[in-house]
């Protein structure tokens, strides 16, 4: 049996960097986007809604660390928040950052629900420069006779906001602490013919010194993914890390996925929330049903690196040259041309190894069939914290029929001391849903 997609909605106010909108100082907030989903009576109290946002921010005060807060609301009630520091590089243009985060909302009542995302400045002045993408995927939790190929969906949200639950200390490696876990069942008919897409959002605070911490994802106790991030109490004290990976062709049976973190340095850091972990299982061969909305039309993914490989880095070229990191292709049936959404997500692990005062401004682009549909800036700034995990999302609307190739590239537009390297992980996925209600 499958899980049925109940609804899918997305908005992209800005797909590229464009202009500047000043962010108000807390407690005032700027609403960035909103979407609405409908939960039918048959799914009342038996649903999950996965909400994902990507926002590009410019810090208007050079050479000084800033602090912003994102919030997600459902029908006006706050269900998620996250603190993010904005870095303090001195070279022009390196004050811009892109942030991605996601939340899972459980067991909604029937009816129409509106999700909104806001941002506010806490320290220093900031502006929104784009991109802005916001999406909500509603999935039923009960078995359904459906050919949409969502085989299973599970999620765990130990903390959805900061400051409510007690913080979780990050132990020194090789010890590690489990943050969340979930179990999915794959029936025999789908054995070895599936994709398990796993997503996580974790909020971390640095307390003392420099911290380089490693996230790992395990399937049934075997590691399938890792990525490293770093921070310090001088430049980056609050970071929300978001990443995703794909597990390919998993065997039939019940599988447990777990998310852990450990500290690789002598600093002191803790997880303060949010903690969000989700897994969606999609069949590799989609079957389309007539007269059914919100089906999976196609799904494909590429994972050139599922873990960090520091011994074999990929040099980031200087713009206008670009490094293609991954590509994936999806097929849109003729029947659903112009009535679909393609949700595209990427995760990139980077290293800046040029030494103290090294800085680099990256530009990440996404192309469809060679035409650019998304770009976002991300800074690398060496303050003894050289590891970065960069997530992005965009939505492509009403794509024409037949086969389309999406690709993910990276380049450095300005740098001091070194342009940076891609060390992994590298994950890139495209989920096509239609026809849209």
Protein backbone atom coordinates (compact mmCIF):
# COMPACT_ATOMS: atom_id res chain seq x y z
CA UNK A 1 0.00 0.00 0.00
CA UNK A 2 1.07 3.56 -0.63
CA UNK A 3 0.75 6.98 0.91
CA UNK A 4 -1.35 9.47 -1.00
CA UNK A 5 -0.27 13.03 -1.74
CA UNK A 6 -3.16 15.09 -0.41
CA UNK A 7 -2.02 18.46 -1.73
CA UNK A 8 1.05 20.35 -2.91
CA UNK A 9 1.53 24.09 -3.06
CA UNK A 10 4.53 26.30 -3.74
CA UNK A 11 5.43 29.90 -4.37
CA UNK A 12 8.63 31.49 -5.69
CA UNK A 13 8.45 35.27 -5.18
CA UNK A 14 12.09 35.48 -6.34
CA UNK A 15 14.01 32.73 -8.14
CA UNK A 16 17.21 34.82 -8.42
CA UNK A 17 18.78 37.65 -6.49
CA UNK A 18 16.92 40.86 -7.32
CA UNK A 19 16.69 44.15 -5.44
CA UNK A 20 16.65 44.68 -1.67
CA UNK A 21 13.79 44.70 0.85
CA UNK A 22 14.76 45.94 4.32
CA UNK A 23 14.06 43.48 7.16
CA UNK A 24 12.47 45.12 10.22
CA UNK A 25 14.00 44.83 13.69
CA UNK A 26 12.39 42.39 16.11
CA UNK A 27 9.64 42.20 17.32
CA UNK A 28 8.46 43.45 13.92
CA UNK A 29 8.63 40.83 11.15
CA UNK A 30 8.64 40.73 7.34
CA UNK A 31 6.40 38.10 5.71
CA UNK A 32 8.28 36.51 2.84
CA UNK A 33 5.74 34.08 1.36
CA UNK A 34 2.67 31.98 2.08
CA UNK A 35 1.02 28.88 0.64
CA UNK A 36 -2.23 27.05 1.32
CA UNK A 37 -2.99 23.32 1.41
CA UNK A 38 -6.29 21.51 1.72
CA UNK A 39 -6.73 18.48 3.98
CA UNK A 40 -9.80 16.46 2.92
CA UNK A 41 -12.19 15.05 5.54
CA UNK A 42 -10.90 11.52 4.86
CA UNK A 43 -7.40 12.56 6.01
CA UNK A 44 -8.37 14.64 9.06
CA UNK A 45 -5.91 13.91 11.86
CA UNK A 46 -3.92 11.56 9.63
CA UNK A 47 -1.48 13.63 7.62
CA UNK A 48 2.00 15.14 7.47
CA UNK A 49 2.81 18.50 5.88
CA UNK A 50 6.46 19.07 4.97
CA UNK A 51 7.19 22.80 4.63
CA UNK A 52 10.49 23.97 3.08
CA UNK A 53 11.86 27.47 2.54
CA UNK A 54 14.93 29.01 0.90
CA UNK A 55 15.72 32.71 1.50
CA UNK A 56 18.60 34.92 0.33
CA UNK A 57 19.72 37.59 2.85
CA UNK A 58 22.14 40.55 2.60
CA UNK A 59 23.77 41.90 5.77
CA UNK A 60 23.91 45.68 5.39
CA UNK A 61 26.58 46.25 8.06
CA UNK A 62 30.06 45.15 6.86
CA UNK A 63 32.66 43.61 9.16
CA UNK A 64 30.19 42.82 11.93
CA UNK A 65 28.28 39.62 12.60
CA UNK A 66 24.49 39.88 12.37
CA UNK A 67 21.65 37.74 13.72
CA UNK A 68 18.25 37.05 12.17
CA UNK A 69 15.32 34.81 13.06
CA UNK A 70 13.05 32.87 10.72
CA UNK A 71 9.57 31.74 11.76
CA UNK A 72 6.92 29.51 10.15
CA UNK A 73 3.24 29.92 11.01
CA UNK A 74 0.20 27.74 10.33
CA UNK A 75 -3.07 29.68 10.30
CA UNK A 76 -1.38 32.46 12.27
CA UNK A 77 0.10 30.23 15.00
CA UNK A 78 3.88 29.81 15.17
CA UNK A 79 5.03 26.22 14.63
CA UNK A 80 8.76 26.72 13.89
CA UNK A 81 11.58 29.18 14.49
CA UNK A 82 15.31 29.26 13.89
CA UNK A 83 18.18 31.65 14.65
CA UNK A 84 20.85 32.28 12.02
CA UNK A 85 24.02 34.35 12.25
CA UNK A 86 25.05 36.31 9.18
CA UNK A 87 28.85 36.36 8.76
CA UNK A 88 31.17 39.37 8.92
CA UNK A 89 33.58 39.16 5.96
CA UNK A 90 35.12 42.45 4.88
CA UNK A 91 35.41 42.06 1.11
CA UNK A 92 32.54 43.58 -0.94
CA UNK A 93 29.66 41.27 -1.71
CA UNK A 94 30.46 38.59 0.86
CA UNK A 95 27.73 39.79 3.20
CA UNK A 96 25.06 37.82 1.29
CA UNK A 97 23.89 34.36 2.38
CA UNK A 98 21.22 31.85 1.42
CA UNK A 99 19.38 29.89 4.13
CA UNK A 100 17.24 26.77 3.69
CA UNK A 101 15.17 25.10 6.42
CA UNK A 102 12.21 22.74 6.69
CA UNK A 103 9.51 21.77 9.16
CA UNK A 104 7.03 18.87 9.37
CA UNK A 105 3.53 19.55 10.69
CA UNK A 106 1.58 16.56 12.05
CA UNK A 107 -2.05 15.40 11.88
CA UNK A 108 -3.89 18.49 10.70
CA UNK A 109 -7.62 18.92 10.94
CA UNK A 110 -9.69 18.90 7.76
CA UNK A 111 -9.98 22.12 5.81
CA UNK A 112 -7.77 24.74 4.20
CA UNK A 113 -4.59 25.74 6.05
CA UNK A 114 -2.25 28.63 5.31
CA UNK A 115 1.48 28.44 6.01
CA UNK A 116 3.61 31.59 6.07
CA UNK A 117 7.30 32.30 6.57
CA UNK A 118 8.73 35.47 8.13
CA UNK A 119 12.12 36.97 8.99
CA UNK A 120 13.25 39.61 11.48
CA UNK A 121 16.60 41.25 12.30
CA UNK A 122 17.90 40.88 15.86
CA UNK A 123 21.46 42.23 15.49
CA UNK A 124 22.44 44.65 12.67
CA UNK A 125 20.48 45.64 9.58
CA UNK A 126 19.62 43.12 6.84
CA UNK A 127 17.74 43.01 3.56
CA UNK A 128 16.07 40.23 1.62
CA UNK A 129 17.64 39.98 -1.83
CA UNK A 130 16.32 36.61 -3.00
CA UNK A 131 15.88 33.90 -3.89
CA UNK A 132 12.66 33.18 -1.98
CA UNK A 133 11.04 29.76 -2.39
CA UNK A 134 8.38 28.24 -0.15
CA UNK A 135 6.60 24.91 -0.54
CA UNK A 136 4.24 22.61 1.35
CA UNK A 137 3.78 18.90 0.60
CA UNK A 138 0.82 17.24 2.36
CA UNK A 139 0.88 13.42 2.58
CA UNK A 140 -1.65 11.09 4.17
CA UNK A 141 -0.53 8.65 6.84
CA UNK A 142 -3.02 5.87 6.15
CA UNK A 143 -2.64 3.16 3.52
CA UNK A 144 -4.16 4.16 0.22
CA UNK A 145 -4.79 2.39 -3.06
CA UNK A 146 -2.74 4.73 -5.20
CA UNK A 147 -0.31 4.64 -8.07
CA UNK A 148 1.38 7.88 -7.15
CA UNK A 149 4.39 5.85 -5.97
CA UNK A 150 4.79 7.46 -2.53
CA UNK A 151 5.51 4.16 -0.84
CA UNK A 152 5.98 5.58 2.64
CA UNK A 153 6.56 8.83 4.51
CA UNK A 154 7.73 9.27 8.09
CA UNK A 155 9.06 12.18 10.13
CA UNK A 156 10.43 13.01 13.56
CA UNK A 157 10.42 16.50 15.09
CA UNK A 158 11.93 16.37 18.59
CA UNK A 159 12.07 20.19 18.63
CA UNK A 160 10.26 22.58 16.30
CA UNK A 161 11.30 25.82 18.00
CA UNK A 162 14.30 27.06 19.96
CA UNK A 163 14.37 27.62 23.69
CA UNK A 164 11.54 25.29 24.73
CA UNK A 165 13.28 21.94 25.27
CA UNK A 166 16.61 21.59 27.06
CA UNK A 167 19.64 21.93 24.75
CA UNK A 168 21.50 18.78 23.69
CA UNK A 169 25.26 18.86 24.32
CA UNK A 170 27.34 17.75 21.33
CA UNK A 171 29.89 15.18 22.60
CA UNK A 172 33.50 15.00 21.52
CA UNK A 173 34.14 12.49 18.72
CA UNK A 174 34.22 9.49 18.52
CA UNK A 175 31.24 9.72 20.87
CA UNK A 176 28.06 11.00 19.23
CA UNK A 177 24.50 11.75 20.23
CA UNK A 178 21.40 10.63 18.34
CA UNK A 179 19.13 13.57 17.57
CA UNK A 180 16.25 11.82 15.80
CA UNK A 181 15.19 8.54 14.22
CA UNK A 182 12.44 7.23 12.00
CA UNK A 183 11.37 3.90 10.56
CA UNK A 184 10.00 3.12 7.10
CA UNK A 185 8.61 -0.11 5.69
CA UNK A 186 9.33 -1.09 2.10
CA UNK A 187 7.07 -3.85 0.75
CA UNK A 188 8.44 -6.75 -1.28
CA UNK A 189 6.90 -5.44 -4.50
CA UNK A 190 9.11 -2.32 -4.22
CA UNK A 191 12.30 -4.07 -3.11
CA UNK A 192 15.39 -2.69 -4.85
CA UNK A 193 13.28 -0.34 -6.94
CA UNK A 194 12.91 2.77 -4.81
CA UNK A 195 14.46 6.00 -3.57
CA UNK A 196 14.46 7.15 0.07
CA UNK A 197 14.88 10.92 0.31
CA UNK A 198 15.99 12.01 3.79
CA UNK A 199 15.96 15.64 4.99
CA UNK A 200 17.16 17.24 8.21
CA UNK A 201 17.19 20.70 9.80
CA UNK A 202 19.18 21.22 13.04
CA UNK A 203 19.83 24.42 15.00
CA UNK A 204 23.23 24.61 16.75
CA UNK A 205 24.80 27.14 19.13
CA UNK A 206 28.54 27.57 19.75
CA UNK A 207 29.35 28.20 23.41
CA UNK A 208 33.14 28.22 23.66
CA UNK A 209 35.88 28.39 21.05
CA UNK A 210 35.89 26.84 17.59
CA UNK A 211 33.59 23.93 16.78
CA UNK A 212 33.70 21.59 13.81
CA UNK A 213 30.85 19.15 14.11
CA UNK A 214 29.90 16.19 11.98
CA UNK A 215 26.37 15.04 11.18
CA UNK A 216 25.84 11.42 10.16
CA UNK A 217 22.83 9.49 8.86
CA UNK A 218 22.62 5.73 9.39
CA UNK A 219 20.37 3.06 7.90
CA UNK A 220 19.98 0.08 10.23
CA UNK A 221 23.24 1.08 11.95
CA UNK A 222 25.32 1.47 8.77
CA UNK A 223 26.46 4.98 7.87
CA UNK A 224 25.11 6.23 4.51
CA UNK A 225 25.81 9.98 4.74
CA UNK A 226 27.89 12.56 6.56
CA UNK A 227 28.53 16.28 6.33
CA UNK A 228 30.58 18.69 8.40
CA UNK A 229 29.81 22.25 9.48
CA UNK A 230 31.80 24.64 11.62
CA UNK A 231 31.30 27.73 13.75
CA UNK A 232 32.87 29.78 16.53
CA UNK A 233 31.81 32.24 19.21
CA UNK A 234 33.48 35.13 17.35
CA UNK A 235 31.84 35.09 13.92
CA UNK A 236 29.13 32.42 13.75
CA UNK A 237 27.49 31.52 17.05
CA UNK A 238 24.08 30.34 15.74
CA UNK A 239 23.73 28.12 12.67
CA UNK A 240 20.82 26.14 11.33
CA UNK A 241 22.16 23.25 9.26
CA UNK A 242 19.91 21.73 6.58
CA UNK A 243 20.84 18.88 4.27
CA UNK A 244 19.35 16.01 2.35
CA UNK A 245 20.51 12.73 0.88
CA UNK A 246 19.06 9.89 -1.17
CA UNK A 247 19.24 6.19 -0.31
CA UNK A 248 18.89 4.12 -3.49
CA UNK A 249 17.17 0.77 -4.08
CA UNK A 250 16.66 -0.28 -0.47
CA UNK A 251 15.70 -3.88 0.26
CA UNK A 252 12.22 -4.93 1.38
CA UNK A 253 11.66 -4.86 5.18
CA UNK A 254 11.42 -2.34 7.98
CA UNK A 255 14.39 0.06 8.08
CA UNK A 256 15.44 2.48 10.79
CA UNK A 257 17.19 5.73 9.84
CA UNK A 258 18.96 7.72 12.55
CA UNK A 259 20.56 11.17 12.68
CA UNK A 260 23.57 11.87 14.92
CA UNK A 261 26.06 14.67 15.62
CA UNK A 262 29.54 14.80 17.19
CA UNK A 263 32.15 17.51 17.81
CA UNK A 264 35.52 17.08 16.06
CA UNK A 265 37.27 19.90 17.94
CA UNK A 266 37.86 20.94 21.55
CA UNK A 267 35.17 23.61 21.50
CA UNK A 268 31.82 23.49 23.24
CA UNK A 269 28.57 23.49 21.25
CA UNK A 270 24.99 22.34 21.71
CA UNK A 271 21.89 21.63 19.67
CA UNK A 272 19.24 24.16 20.67
CA UNK A 273 16.61 23.30 18.08
CA UNK A 274 14.89 22.98 15.80
CA UNK A 275 15.44 19.27 15.11
CA UNK A 276 13.50 18.03 12.07
CA UNK A 277 14.12 14.69 10.32
CA UNK A 278 11.96 13.20 7.56
CA UNK A 279 12.02 10.41 5.00
CA UNK A 280 9.90 9.94 1.89
CA UNK A 281 10.07 6.65 -0.04
CA UNK A 282 9.30 6.92 -3.77
CA UNK A 283 9.12 4.13 -6.31
CA UNK A 284 11.61 4.25 -9.16
CA UNK A 285 8.99 3.57 -11.85
CA UNK A 286 6.06 5.94 -11.53
CA UNK A 287 2.64 4.76 -12.66
CA UNK A 288 0.26 7.52 -13.72
CA UNK A 289 -3.46 7.33 -13.01
CA UNK A 290 -6.05 9.26 -14.97
CA UNK A 291 -8.28 11.76 -13.15
CA UNK A 292 -6.11 11.91 -10.03
CA UNK A 293 -4.54 15.16 -8.84
CA UNK A 294 -1.22 15.61 -7.04
CA UNK A 295 0.50 12.48 -8.30
CA UNK A 296 4.22 11.89 -8.51
CA UNK A 297 4.82 12.24 -12.24
CA UNK A 298 8.52 11.47 -11.95
CA UNK A 299 11.37 11.48 -9.45
CA UNK A 300 15.09 11.30 -10.02
CA UNK A 301 18.21 12.06 -8.02
CA UNK A 302 21.97 12.13 -8.25
CA UNK A 303 24.40 11.66 -5.34
CA UNK A 304 27.97 12.02 -6.68
CA UNK A 305 29.23 12.06 -3.07
CA UNK A 306 27.24 10.92 -0.04
CA UNK A 307 30.08 11.71 2.40
CA UNK A 308 32.91 14.21 2.64
CA UNK A 309 36.05 13.30 0.67
CA UNK A 310 38.68 15.80 1.79
CA UNK A 311 41.45 13.87 0.04
CA UNK A 312 39.87 14.51 -3.37
CA UNK A 313 38.51 18.07 -3.42
CA UNK A 314 36.93 19.76 -6.44
CA UNK A 315 38.32 23.26 -7.01
CA UNK A 316 35.68 25.97 -7.32
CA UNK A 317 36.45 28.02 -10.45
CA UNK A 318 36.40 31.81 -10.73
CA UNK A 319 33.34 33.30 -12.43
CA UNK A 320 32.36 33.28 -15.28
CA UNK A 321 33.71 29.71 -15.27
CA UNK A 322 31.46 27.23 -13.43
CA UNK A 323 31.82 23.73 -12.00
CA UNK A 324 28.91 21.39 -12.72
CA UNK A 325 28.31 19.32 -9.61
CA UNK A 326 25.37 17.12 -10.58
CA UNK A 327 22.49 16.72 -12.99
CA UNK A 328 19.29 14.72 -13.11
CA UNK A 329 16.50 14.24 -15.63
CA UNK A 330 12.73 13.90 -15.31
CA UNK A 331 9.99 13.09 -17.80
CA UNK A 332 6.73 15.06 -17.95
CA UNK A 333 3.95 13.10 -19.70
CA UNK A 334 2.14 14.99 -22.45
CA UNK A 335 -1.16 14.76 -20.54
CA UNK A 336 0.28 16.83 -17.67
CA UNK A 337 2.18 19.48 -19.65
CA UNK A 338 1.72 22.89 -18.05
CA UNK A 339 -0.03 21.48 -14.96
CA UNK A 340 2.82 20.43 -12.69
CA UNK A 341 5.43 21.51 -10.17
CA UNK A 342 9.05 20.31 -10.04
CA UNK A 343 10.63 20.63 -6.58
CA UNK A 344 14.42 20.75 -6.93
CA UNK A 345 16.75 20.40 -3.95
CA UNK A 346 20.52 20.34 -3.57
CA UNK A 347 23.09 19.89 -0.80
CA UNK A 348 26.76 20.86 -1.24
CA UNK A 349 29.63 20.39 1.24
CA UNK A 350 32.44 22.98 0.89
CA UNK A 351 35.85 23.69 2.43
CA UNK A 352 37.77 26.98 2.56
CA UNK A 353 41.38 26.09 3.30
CA UNK A 354 43.28 29.29 2.49
CA UNK A 355 44.05 30.12 6.11
CA UNK A 356 43.03 33.03 8.36
CA UNK A 357 41.37 35.98 6.62
CA UNK A 358 40.52 33.87 3.57
CA UNK A 359 37.08 34.72 2.17
CA UNK A 360 35.10 33.66 -0.87
CA UNK A 361 31.67 34.54 -2.24
CA UNK A 362 30.03 31.62 -4.04
CA UNK A 363 27.25 31.65 -6.61
CA UNK A 364 25.11 28.53 -6.92
CA UNK A 365 22.97 28.13 -10.03
CA UNK A 366 20.32 25.67 -11.20
CA UNK A 367 19.57 25.18 -14.90
CA UNK A 368 16.76 23.49 -16.79
CA UNK A 369 17.79 22.32 -20.27
CA UNK A 370 20.66 24.83 -20.19
CA UNK A 371 18.51 27.82 -19.19
CA UNK A 372 19.13 29.31 -15.73
CA UNK A 373 16.10 29.16 -13.42
CA UNK A 374 17.71 29.84 -10.00
CA UNK A 375 20.76 31.42 -8.39
CA UNK A 376 21.84 32.15 -4.84
CA UNK A 377 24.96 33.53 -3.13
CA UNK A 378 26.70 31.92 -0.22
CA UNK A 379 29.81 33.15 1.68
CA UNK A 380 32.81 31.18 2.87
CA UNK A 381 34.81 33.01 5.55
CA UNK A 382 37.78 31.40 7.30
CA UNK A 383 37.81 32.15 11.02
CA UNK A 384 39.20 28.77 12.03
CA UNK A 385 35.85 27.31 10.89
CA UNK A 386 36.41 26.24 7.28
CA UNK A 387 33.59 23.68 6.73
CA UNK A 388 30.23 24.62 5.24
CA UNK A 389 27.11 22.66 4.27
CA UNK A 390 25.03 24.58 1.70
CA UNK A 391 21.40 23.64 0.96
CA UNK A 392 19.18 25.11 -1.78
CA UNK A 393 15.65 24.60 -3.06
CA UNK A 394 13.63 25.97 -5.96
CA UNK A 395 10.34 25.17 -7.65
CA UNK A 396 9.88 24.99 -11.43
CA UNK A 397 6.26 25.68 -12.46
CA UNK A 398 4.18 24.20 -15.29
CA UNK A 399 6.99 22.57 -17.22
CA UNK A 400 6.33 21.49 -20.79
CA UNK A 401 6.03 17.82 -21.71
CA UNK A 402 8.82 15.34 -22.46
CA UNK A 403 12.31 14.93 -20.93
CA UNK A 404 14.08 17.74 -19.06
CA UNK A 405 17.59 17.88 -17.58
CA UNK A 406 18.28 19.89 -14.42
CA UNK A 407 21.86 20.72 -13.43
CA UNK A 408 23.56 22.26 -10.39
CA UNK A 409 26.70 24.43 -10.69
CA UNK A 410 28.96 26.47 -8.42
CA UNK A 411 31.44 29.31 -8.97
CA UNK A 412 33.29 31.97 -6.96
CA UNK A 413 32.52 35.60 -7.81
CA UNK A 414 35.12 37.15 -5.45
CA UNK A 415 37.72 35.84 -3.05
CA UNK A 416 40.74 36.58 -0.87
CA UNK A 417 43.25 33.81 -0.19
CA UNK A 418 41.40 31.07 -2.09
CA UNK A 419 38.15 30.42 -3.92
CA UNK A 420 37.24 27.29 -1.95
CA UNK A 421 36.66 23.62 -2.69
CA UNK A 422 33.76 21.21 -2.90
CA UNK A 423 34.51 18.14 -0.78
CA UNK A 424 31.04 16.63 -0.54
CA UNK A 425 28.43 15.59 0.09
CA UNK A 426 26.81 16.44 -3.24
CA UNK A 427 23.11 15.61 -3.49
CA UNK A 428 20.67 16.76 -6.17
CA UNK A 429 17.05 15.69 -6.63
CA UNK A 430 13.95 16.59 -8.65
CA UNK A 431 10.39 15.63 -7.66
CA UNK A 432 7.64 16.32 -10.21
CA UNK A 433 4.03 16.49 -8.97
CA UNK A 434 0.87 16.97 -11.01
CA UNK A 435 -1.66 17.70 -12.11
CA UNK A 436 -2.00 20.52 -9.60
CA UNK A 437 -5.48 21.23 -8.26
